[in-house]
Structure formats: structure tokens, C-alpha cells
C-alpha atoms as a PDB file:
ATOM      1  CA  UNK A   1       1.188   5.550  17.366  1.00  0.00           C
ATOM      2  CA  UNK A   2       2.266   2.023  18.221  1.00  0.00           C
ATOM      3  CA  UNK A   3       5.681   0.427  18.258  1.00  0.00           C
ATOM      4  CA  UNK A   4       7.943   0.857  15.203  1.00  0.00           C
ATOM      5  CA  UNK A   5       7.540  -1.844  12.564  1.00  0.00           C
ATOM      6  CA  UNK A   6      10.074  -0.803   9.960  1.00  0.00           C
ATOM      7  CA  UNK A   7      13.067   1.486   9.779  1.00  0.00           C
ATOM      8  CA  UNK A   8      14.373   2.188   6.275  1.00  0.00           C
ATOM      9  CA  UNK A   9      17.867   3.621   6.543  1.00  0.00           C
ATOM     10  CA  UNK A  10      19.611   5.307   3.630  1.00  0.00           C
ATOM     11  CA  UNK A  11      17.497   3.482   1.044  1.00  0.00           C
ATOM     12  CA  UNK A  12      18.506   4.430  -2.492  1.00  0.00           C
ATOM     13  CA  UNK A  13      17.925   3.087  -5.985  1.00  0.00           C
ATOM     14  CA  UNK A  14      20.068   3.703  -9.059  1.00  0.00           C
ATOM     15  CA  UNK A  15      19.887   2.532 -12.660  1.00  0.00           C
ATOM     16  CA  UNK A  16      23.373   2.837 -14.038  1.00  0.00           C
ATOM     17  CA  UNK A  17      24.473   6.419 -13.412  1.00  0.00           C
ATOM     18  CA  UNK A  18      20.893   7.611 -12.849  1.00  0.00           C
ATOM     19  CA  UNK A  19      19.875   7.967  -9.215  1.00  0.00           C
ATOM     20  CA  UNK A  20      16.126   7.293  -9.157  1.00  0.00           C
ATOM     21  CA  UNK A  21      15.914   7.503  -5.351  1.00  0.00           C
ATOM     22  CA  UNK A  22      18.223   9.577  -3.186  1.00  0.00           C
ATOM     23  CA  UNK A  23      19.153   8.114   0.235  1.00  0.00           C
ATOM     24  CA  UNK A  24      16.505   8.715   2.897  1.00  0.00           C
ATOM     25  CA  UNK A  25      15.588   7.426   6.357  1.00  0.00           C
ATOM     26  CA  UNK A  26      11.949   6.535   7.060  1.00  0.00           C
ATOM     27  CA  UNK A  27      10.184   4.885  10.002  1.00  0.00           C
ATOM     28  CA  UNK A  28       6.712   3.319  10.110  1.00  0.00           C
ATOM     29  CA  UNK A  29       4.763   2.374  13.237  1.00  0.00           C
ATOM     30  CA  UNK A  30       1.748   0.250  14.106  1.00  0.00           C
ATOM     31  CA  UNK A  31      -1.576   2.045  13.775  1.00  0.00           C
ATOM     32  CA  UNK A  32      -0.074   4.711  11.521  1.00  0.00           C
ATOM     33  CA  UNK A  33      -1.518   5.756   8.167  1.00  0.00           C
ATOM     34  CA  UNK A  34       1.095   7.324   5.892  1.00  0.00           C
ATOM     35  CA  UNK A  35       0.556   8.873   2.458  1.00  0.00           C
ATOM     36  CA  UNK A  36       3.315   9.007  -0.143  1.00  0.00           C
ATOM     37  CA  UNK A  37       2.714  11.727  -2.705  1.00  0.00           C
ATOM     38  CA  UNK A  38       4.553  13.734  -5.331  1.00  0.00           C
ATOM     39  CA  UNK A  39       4.519  14.435  -9.080  1.00  0.00           C
ATOM     40  CA  UNK A  40       4.700  11.739 -11.740  1.00  0.00           C
ATOM     41  CA  UNK A  41       8.196  10.280 -11.850  1.00  0.00           C
ATOM     42  CA  UNK A  42       8.976  11.283  -8.263  1.00  0.00           C
ATOM     43  CA  UNK A  43       9.811   7.702  -7.265  1.00  0.00           C
ATOM     44  CA  UNK A  44       6.678   6.742  -5.335  1.00  0.00           C
ATOM     45  CA  UNK A  45       6.175   3.326  -6.920  1.00  0.00           C
ATOM     46  CA  UNK A  46       9.893   2.528  -6.825  1.00  0.00           C
ATOM     47  CA  UNK A  47      10.039   3.259  -3.108  1.00  0.00           C
ATOM     48  CA  UNK A  48       6.939   1.155  -2.443  1.00  0.00           C
ATOM     49  CA  UNK A  49       8.254  -1.834  -4.389  1.00  0.00           C
ATOM     50  CA  UNK A  50      11.499  -1.727  -2.399  1.00  0.00           C
ATOM     51  CA  UNK A  51       9.592  -1.669   0.894  1.00  0.00           C
ATOM     52  CA  UNK A  52       7.421  -4.521  -0.395  1.00  0.00           C
ATOM     53  CA  UNK A  53      10.475  -6.590  -1.299  1.00  0.00           C
ATOM     54  CA  UNK A  54       9.564  -6.637  -4.991  1.00  0.00           C
ATOM     55  CA  UNK A  55      12.918  -5.123  -5.928  1.00  0.00           C
ATOM     56  CA  UNK A  56      16.131  -4.645  -4.010  1.00  0.00           C
ATOM     57  CA  UNK A  57      17.555  -1.239  -3.115  1.00  0.00           C
ATOM     58  CA  UNK A  58      20.920  -0.163  -4.503  1.00  0.00           C
ATOM     59  CA  UNK A  59      21.959   0.879  -1.025  1.00  0.00           C
ATOM     60  CA  UNK A  60      20.717   1.156   2.529  1.00  0.00           C
ATOM     61  CA  UNK A  61      18.992  -1.263   4.867  1.00  0.00           C
ATOM     62  CA  UNK A  62      15.489  -2.278   5.888  1.00  0.00           C
ATOM     63  CA  UNK A  63      15.262  -3.152   9.575  1.00  0.00           C
ATOM     64  CA  UNK A  64      12.110  -4.914  10.784  1.00  0.00           C
ATOM     65  CA  UNK A  65      11.091  -5.563  14.362  1.00  0.00           C
ATOM     66  CA  UNK A  66      10.003  -8.975  15.600  1.00  0.00           C
ATOM     67  CA  UNK A  67       8.247 -11.097  12.986  1.00  0.00           C
ATOM     68  CA  UNK A  68       7.266  -8.186  10.770  1.00  0.00           C
ATOM     69  CA  UNK A  69       9.616  -9.051   7.912  1.00  0.00           C
ATOM     70  CA  UNK A  70       7.317 -11.828   6.673  1.00  0.00           C
ATOM     71  CA  UNK A  71       4.128  -9.825   7.130  1.00  0.00           C
ATOM     72  CA  UNK A  72       3.965  -7.292   4.321  1.00  0.00           C
ATOM     73  CA  UNK A  73       0.830  -6.914   2.206  1.00  0.00           C
ATOM     74  CA  UNK A  74       1.409  -5.470  -1.278  1.00  0.00           C
ATOM     75  CA  UNK A  75      -1.413  -4.018  -3.412  1.00  0.00           C
ATOM     76  CA  UNK A  76      -0.052  -2.889  -6.803  1.00  0.00           C
ATOM     77  CA  UNK A  77      -1.942  -0.586  -9.166  1.00  0.00           C
ATOM     78  CA  UNK A  78      -2.830  -3.472 -11.455  1.00  0.00           C
ATOM     79  CA  UNK A  79      -4.602  -6.310  -9.631  1.00  0.00           C
ATOM     80  CA  UNK A  80      -2.213  -9.197  -8.957  1.00  0.00           C
ATOM     81  CA  UNK A  81      -4.622 -12.091  -9.395  1.00  0.00           C
ATOM     82  CA  UNK A  82      -5.632 -14.847 -11.770  1.00  0.00           C
ATOM     83  CA  UNK A  83      -8.584 -13.670 -13.898  1.00  0.00           C
ATOM     84  CA  UNK A  84      -9.677 -17.186 -14.898  1.00  0.00           C
ATOM     85  CA  UNK A  85      -9.995 -18.289 -11.286  1.00  0.00           C
ATOM     86  CA  UNK A  86     -12.957 -17.390  -9.140  1.00  0.00           C
ATOM     87  CA  UNK A  87     -12.720 -15.020  -6.208  1.00  0.00           C
ATOM     88  CA  UNK A  88     -12.713 -17.978  -3.816  1.00  0.00           C
ATOM     89  CA  UNK A  89     -10.111 -19.899  -5.822  1.00  0.00           C
ATOM     90  CA  UNK A  90      -7.801 -16.885  -5.925  1.00  0.00           C
ATOM     91  CA  UNK A  91      -8.025 -16.420  -2.185  1.00  0.00           C
ATOM     92  CA  UNK A  92      -7.466 -20.106  -1.451  1.00  0.00           C
ATOM     93  CA  UNK A  93      -4.426 -20.100  -3.731  1.00  0.00           C
ATOM     94  CA  UNK A  94      -2.824 -17.040  -2.169  1.00  0.00           C
ATOM     95  CA  UNK A  95      -3.673 -18.164   1.360  1.00  0.00           C
ATOM     96  CA  UNK A  96      -1.824 -21.395   0.631  1.00  0.00           C
ATOM     97  CA  UNK A  97       1.157 -19.509  -0.782  1.00  0.00           C
ATOM     98  CA  UNK A  98       1.237 -17.440   2.414  1.00  0.00           C
ATOM     99  CA  UNK A  99       1.454 -20.598   4.502  1.00  0.00           C
ATOM    100  CA  UNK A 100      -2.083 -20.773   5.880  1.00  0.00           C
ATOM    101  CA  UNK A 101      -2.811 -23.974   7.800  1.00  0.00           C
ATOM    102  CA  UNK A 102      -6.329 -23.991   6.351  1.00  0.00           C
ATOM    103  CA  UNK A 103      -6.515 -22.079   3.017  1.00  0.00           C
ATOM    104  CA  UNK A 104     -10.275 -22.683   2.494  1.00  0.00           C
ATOM    105  CA  UNK A 105     -11.087 -21.273   5.945  1.00  0.00           C
ATOM    106  CA  UNK A 106      -8.747 -18.321   5.396  1.00  0.00           C
ATOM    107  CA  UNK A 107     -10.386 -17.647   2.030  1.00  0.00           C
ATOM    108  CA  UNK A 108     -13.860 -17.736   3.584  1.00  0.00           C
ATOM    109  CA  UNK A 109     -12.782 -15.253   6.275  1.00  0.00           C
ATOM    110  CA  UNK A 110     -11.287 -12.892   3.667  1.00  0.00           C
ATOM    111  CA  UNK A 111     -14.471 -13.120   1.602  1.00  0.00           C
ATOM    112  CA  UNK A 112     -16.432 -12.103   4.679  1.00  0.00           C
ATOM    113  CA  UNK A 113     -14.096  -9.236   5.577  1.00  0.00           C
ATOM    114  CA  UNK A 114     -14.038  -7.879   2.023  1.00  0.00           C
ATOM    115  CA  UNK A 115     -17.814  -8.293   1.578  1.00  0.00           C
ATOM    116  CA  UNK A 116     -17.234 -10.507  -1.452  1.00  0.00           C
ATOM    117  CA  UNK A 117     -19.861 -13.128  -0.660  1.00  0.00           C
ATOM    118  CA  UNK A 118     -21.987 -12.322  -3.707  1.00  0.00           C
ATOM    119  CA  UNK A 119     -18.917 -12.702  -5.941  1.00  0.00           C
ATOM    120  CA  UNK A 120     -17.183 -15.656  -4.287  1.00  0.00           C
ATOM    121  CA  UNK A 121     -17.782 -18.045  -7.188  1.00  0.00           C
ATOM    122  CA  UNK A 122     -17.519 -15.525  -9.998  1.00  0.00           C
ATOM    123  CA  UNK A 123     -14.390 -15.434 -12.155  1.00  0.00           C
ATOM    124  CA  UNK A 124     -12.097 -12.602 -11.098  1.00  0.00           C
ATOM    125  CA  UNK A 125     -11.794 -11.342 -14.673  1.00  0.00           C
ATOM    126  CA  UNK A 126     -15.556 -10.717 -14.760  1.00  0.00           C
ATOM    127  CA  UNK A 127     -15.625  -8.511 -11.646  1.00  0.00           C
ATOM    128  CA  UNK A 128     -16.264  -4.778 -11.748  1.00  0.00           C
ATOM    129  CA  UNK A 129     -13.320  -2.450 -11.144  1.00  0.00           C
ATOM    130  CA  UNK A 130     -14.313  -1.706  -7.564  1.00  0.00           C
ATOM    131  CA  UNK A 131     -14.982  -5.348  -6.683  1.00  0.00           C
ATOM    132  CA  UNK A 132     -11.717  -6.450  -8.268  1.00  0.00           C
ATOM    133  CA  UNK A 133      -9.882  -3.876  -6.162  1.00  0.00           C
ATOM    134  CA  UNK A 134     -11.503  -5.331  -3.034  1.00  0.00           C
ATOM    135  CA  UNK A 135     -10.308  -8.773  -4.102  1.00  0.00           C
ATOM    136  CA  UNK A 136      -6.834  -7.344  -4.785  1.00  0.00           C
ATOM    137  CA  UNK A 137      -6.761  -5.991  -1.235  1.00  0.00           C
ATOM    138  CA  UNK A 138      -8.151  -9.214   0.250  1.00  0.00           C
ATOM    139  CA  UNK A 139      -5.312 -11.134  -1.432  1.00  0.00           C
ATOM    140  CA  UNK A 140      -2.811  -8.778   0.227  1.00  0.00           C
ATOM    141  CA  UNK A 141      -4.385  -9.620   3.600  1.00  0.00           C
ATOM    142  CA  UNK A 142      -3.970 -13.372   3.117  1.00  0.00           C
ATOM    143  CA  UNK A 143      -0.685 -13.371   5.014  1.00  0.00           C
ATOM    144  CA  UNK A 144      -2.029 -11.320   7.956  1.00  0.00           C
ATOM    145  CA  UNK A 145       0.335  -8.394   7.278  1.00  0.00           C
ATOM    146  CA  UNK A 146       1.435  -5.882   9.855  1.00  0.00           C
ATOM    147  CA  UNK A 147       2.355  -3.400   7.097  1.00  0.00           C
ATOM    148  CA  UNK A 148       0.018  -2.832   4.151  1.00  0.00           C
ATOM    149  CA  UNK A 149       1.404  -1.075   1.051  1.00  0.00           C
ATOM    150  CA  UNK A 150      -0.909   0.277  -1.659  1.00  0.00           C
ATOM    151  CA  UNK A 151       0.095   1.935  -4.935  1.00  0.00           C
ATOM    152  CA  UNK A 152      -2.544   4.540  -5.910  1.00  0.00           C
ATOM    153  CA  UNK A 153      -5.422   2.337  -4.698  1.00  0.00           C
ATOM    154  CA  UNK A 154      -8.240   4.687  -5.772  1.00  0.00           C
ATOM    155  CA  UNK A 155      -6.959   5.690  -9.199  1.00  0.00           C
ATOM    156  CA  UNK A 156      -9.632   3.720 -11.109  1.00  0.00           C
ATOM    157  CA  UNK A 157     -12.481   3.901  -8.582  1.00  0.00           C
ATOM    158  CA  UNK A 158     -15.679   5.926  -8.633  1.00  0.00           C
ATOM    159  CA  UNK A 159     -16.359   8.394  -5.772  1.00  0.00           C
ATOM    160  CA  UNK A 160     -18.642   5.979  -3.896  1.00  0.00           C
ATOM    161  CA  UNK A 161     -16.133   3.144  -4.316  1.00  0.00           C
ATOM    162  CA  UNK A 162     -13.418   5.397  -2.893  1.00  0.00           C
ATOM    163  CA  UNK A 163     -15.492   6.176   0.187  1.00  0.00           C
ATOM    164  CA  UNK A 164     -16.090   2.476   0.772  1.00  0.00           C
ATOM    165  CA  UNK A 165     -12.417   1.585   0.300  1.00  0.00           C
ATOM    166  CA  UNK A 166     -11.129   4.263   2.698  1.00  0.00           C
ATOM    167  CA  UNK A 167     -13.615   3.226   5.351  1.00  0.00           C
ATOM    168  CA  UNK A 168     -12.485  -0.380   5.070  1.00  0.00           C
ATOM    169  CA  UNK A 169      -8.815   0.605   5.251  1.00  0.00           C
ATOM    170  CA  UNK A 170      -9.429   2.740   8.346  1.00  0.00           C
ATOM    171  CA  UNK A 171     -11.214  -0.204   9.989  1.00  0.00           C
ATOM    172  CA  UNK A 172      -8.343  -2.544   9.069  1.00  0.00           C
ATOM    173  CA  UNK A 173      -5.721  -0.288  10.637  1.00  0.00           C
ATOM    174  CA  UNK A 174      -7.724  -0.199  13.864  1.00  0.00           C
ATOM    175  CA  UNK A 175      -8.777  -3.839  14.058  1.00  0.00           C
ATOM    176  CA  UNK A 176      -5.491  -5.412  12.898  1.00  0.00           C
ATOM    177  CA  UNK A 177      -3.153  -2.871  14.501  1.00  0.00           C
ATOM    178  CA  UNK A 178      -1.253  -2.570  11.231  1.00  0.00           C
ATOM    179  CA  UNK A 179       0.608   0.252   9.531  1.00  0.00           C
ATOM    180  CA  UNK A 180      -0.708   1.582   6.219  1.00  0.00           C
ATOM    181  CA  UNK A 181       1.389   3.245   3.518  1.00  0.00           C
ATOM    182  CA  UNK A 182      -0.324   4.356   0.310  1.00  0.00           C
ATOM    183  CA  UNK A 183       0.751   6.422  -2.679  1.00  0.00           C
ATOM    184  CA  UNK A 184      -1.497   9.025  -4.246  1.00  0.00           C
ATOM    185  CA  UNK A 185      -1.240  12.001  -6.582  1.00  0.00           C
ATOM    186  CA  UNK A 186      -4.003  13.787  -4.678  1.00  0.00           C
ATOM    187  CA  UNK A 187      -2.901  16.130  -1.894  1.00  0.00           C
ATOM    188  CA  UNK A 188      -6.508  16.288  -0.666  1.00  0.00           C
ATOM    189  CA  UNK A 189      -6.710  12.480  -0.454  1.00  0.00           C
ATOM    190  CA  UNK A 190      -3.389  12.327   1.391  1.00  0.00           C
ATOM    191  CA  UNK A 191      -4.431  14.959   3.928  1.00  0.00           C
ATOM    192  CA  UNK A 192      -7.849  13.380   4.509  1.00  0.00           C
ATOM    193  CA  UNK A 193      -6.852   9.739   4.924  1.00  0.00           C
ATOM    194  CA  UNK A 194      -3.337   9.841   6.419  1.00  0.00           C
ATOM    195  CA  UNK A 195      -1.838  10.797   9.746  1.00  0.00           C
ATOM    196  CA  UNK A 196       1.481  11.647   8.088  1.00  0.00           C
ATOM    197  CA  UNK A 197       2.418  12.701   4.556  1.00  0.00           C
ATOM    198  CA  UNK A 198       5.712  12.070   2.777  1.00  0.00           C
ATOM    199  CA  UNK A 199       6.391  14.151  -0.352  1.00  0.00           C
ATOM    200  CA  UNK A 200       8.897  13.097  -2.998  1.00  0.00           C
ATOM    201  CA  UNK A 201      10.221  15.182  -5.875  1.00  0.00           C
ATOM    202  CA  UNK A 202      12.784  13.849  -8.367  1.00  0.00           C
ATOM    203  CA  UNK A 203      13.418  10.888  -6.103  1.00  0.00           C
ATOM    204  CA  UNK A 204      14.243  13.051  -3.107  1.00  0.00           C
ATOM    205  CA  UNK A 205      12.406  13.497   0.174  1.00  0.00           C
ATOM    206  CA  UNK A 206      11.167  17.085   0.422  1.00  0.00           C
ATOM    207  CA  UNK A 207       8.615  16.752   3.224  1.00  0.00           C
ATOM    208  CA  UNK A 208       7.740  14.323   6.013  1.00  0.00           C
ATOM    209  CA  UNK A 209       5.232  15.620   8.523  1.00  0.00           C
ATOM    210  CA  UNK A 210       1.672  15.641   9.880  1.00  0.00           C
ATOM    211  CA  UNK A 211      -1.063  15.446   7.272  1.00  0.00           C
ATOM    212  CA  UNK A 212      -2.776  18.589   8.567  1.00  0.00           C
ATOM    213  CA  UNK A 213       0.396  20.580   7.879  1.00  0.00           C
ATOM    214  CA  UNK A 214       0.189  20.085   4.100  1.00  0.00           C
ATOM    215  CA  UNK A 215      -2.193  21.732   1.639  1.00  0.00           C
ATOM    216  CA  UNK A 216      -2.155  22.286  -2.111  1.00  0.00           C
ATOM    217  CA  UNK A 217      -0.253  25.580  -1.858  1.00  0.00           C
ATOM    218  CA  UNK A 218       2.492  24.189   0.364  1.00  0.00           C
ATOM    219  CA  UNK A 219       2.711  21.074  -1.830  1.00  0.00           C
ATOM    220  CA  UNK A 220       3.263  23.214  -4.932  1.00  0.00           C
ATOM    221  CA  UNK A 221       5.943  25.181  -3.117  1.00  0.00           C
ATOM    222  CA  UNK A 222       7.726  21.923  -2.262  1.00  0.00           C
ATOM    223  CA  UNK A 223       7.698  20.351  -5.718  1.00  0.00           C
ATOM    224  CA  UNK A 224       7.955  23.504  -7.819  1.00  0.00           C
ATOM    225  CA  UNK A 225       8.142  22.990 -11.579  1.00  0.00           C
ATOM    226  CA  UNK A 226       7.895  19.188 -11.232  1.00  0.00           C
ATOM    227  CA  UNK A 227       4.133  19.334 -10.556  1.00  0.00           C
END
């Protein structure tokens, strides 16, 4: 893997007396694909939103290398876009918000990369689920991120749409030399599309290791009755 991008040290999150995330240290590197899995309520989304800067941790630190702090792409479960705007208008808007010197040119490049040419002037709210997810991901790329975070990106996609999305993500990691962190409830999906798998249970880290070292049986042994 490439050079480290992010070191999360002792990150925790509490709501009153309830500790949603126990302290844990995690490191992410360029060119690395990492899956975050675990039962419902394990803290996957909470941990992703902290790494994305959407919410602050209750404790711990996030240490970025170089210019990485301003280069995080966040793809939430629900598309973060404006349904009344067209695909092109959404991308121009978000490119401008990300500080692009030429938002129209950036939007055109993202349309090309996401294969959205046939939908460029269609309102986002009228797109199919799979196409809207591609637009959601293209928006996350508007700031040229070095770390891309996705919260259950295939949850609403058909099998063929999933194949297409994973191929695109694999190409992005290679071509842009970025790190990819995605959450999923599927152990099979985590093992197939990640280099490393992190397993959470009740907000605690119970596994962090190579993807080929985790299968359904070992996952169940890790999470126990929480599955």
C-alpha cells in the first residue's frame, strides 16, 4: 500500500452516558480498499461520519498527512444532491463549492468519468436508483479526494448495478491513488472488494485484518449474538 493518509487515534463518540464508539486506533493508506462491517447498530455510520468530518468525535484525534485534510469524499446512504437540478447543474454547483477554478469543466469531466452523458441534462430526481448513485459518487469526487468514504453504497442497487459500481471504484483507487473505506452488512461483499476488513460490534473494534482472513463463520464468532 501507499503512504499513510489518515491516522485516527483513540476516536470515541458518546451521547450522554452512552458510549456509542469505544476508543480505537485506525490507519488508512493510499491505494488501500477497506471494508467496515458489523451488525446493525455496531457504529459503522457513526464512525464514517466522524472520519468524513460530518460530526465531531467525543475524544481522540484525526491526523492527516500533507494536504489530505481537505480532500475527503463522502457518499452517504441517501444521495446528497438537489433533485430539482439537472445532473450537470448539481455537479457544477458542488464543483464550485469545492473550490474548482472552472466548475463547468470539472462537471463535464465528472460526467465523462461517471458515464452520465445521457443523463447530463435530466433532473436528478428523475434518475433511476443506479444512475442517481453514480451521480452521488461523482459529486463526492468533485473535490479530487484522496480518501473516499461510502456508507453502504450498494444497498439499493441491483446485481448488475453493483458489478458496475465496484468496477468503477476499483478503477478510481488505481487511477487516483486514493484510499477507499466503505461500510457494508455483507461479509461476502467485504471480502471480495476490500484488501482489509474492520469489524465492529456494539461500537467496539473486534477485528482488523486482511480480507481473505474473514469468512461468514469467523464473522459470526466475532459478533456473537449481535448478528
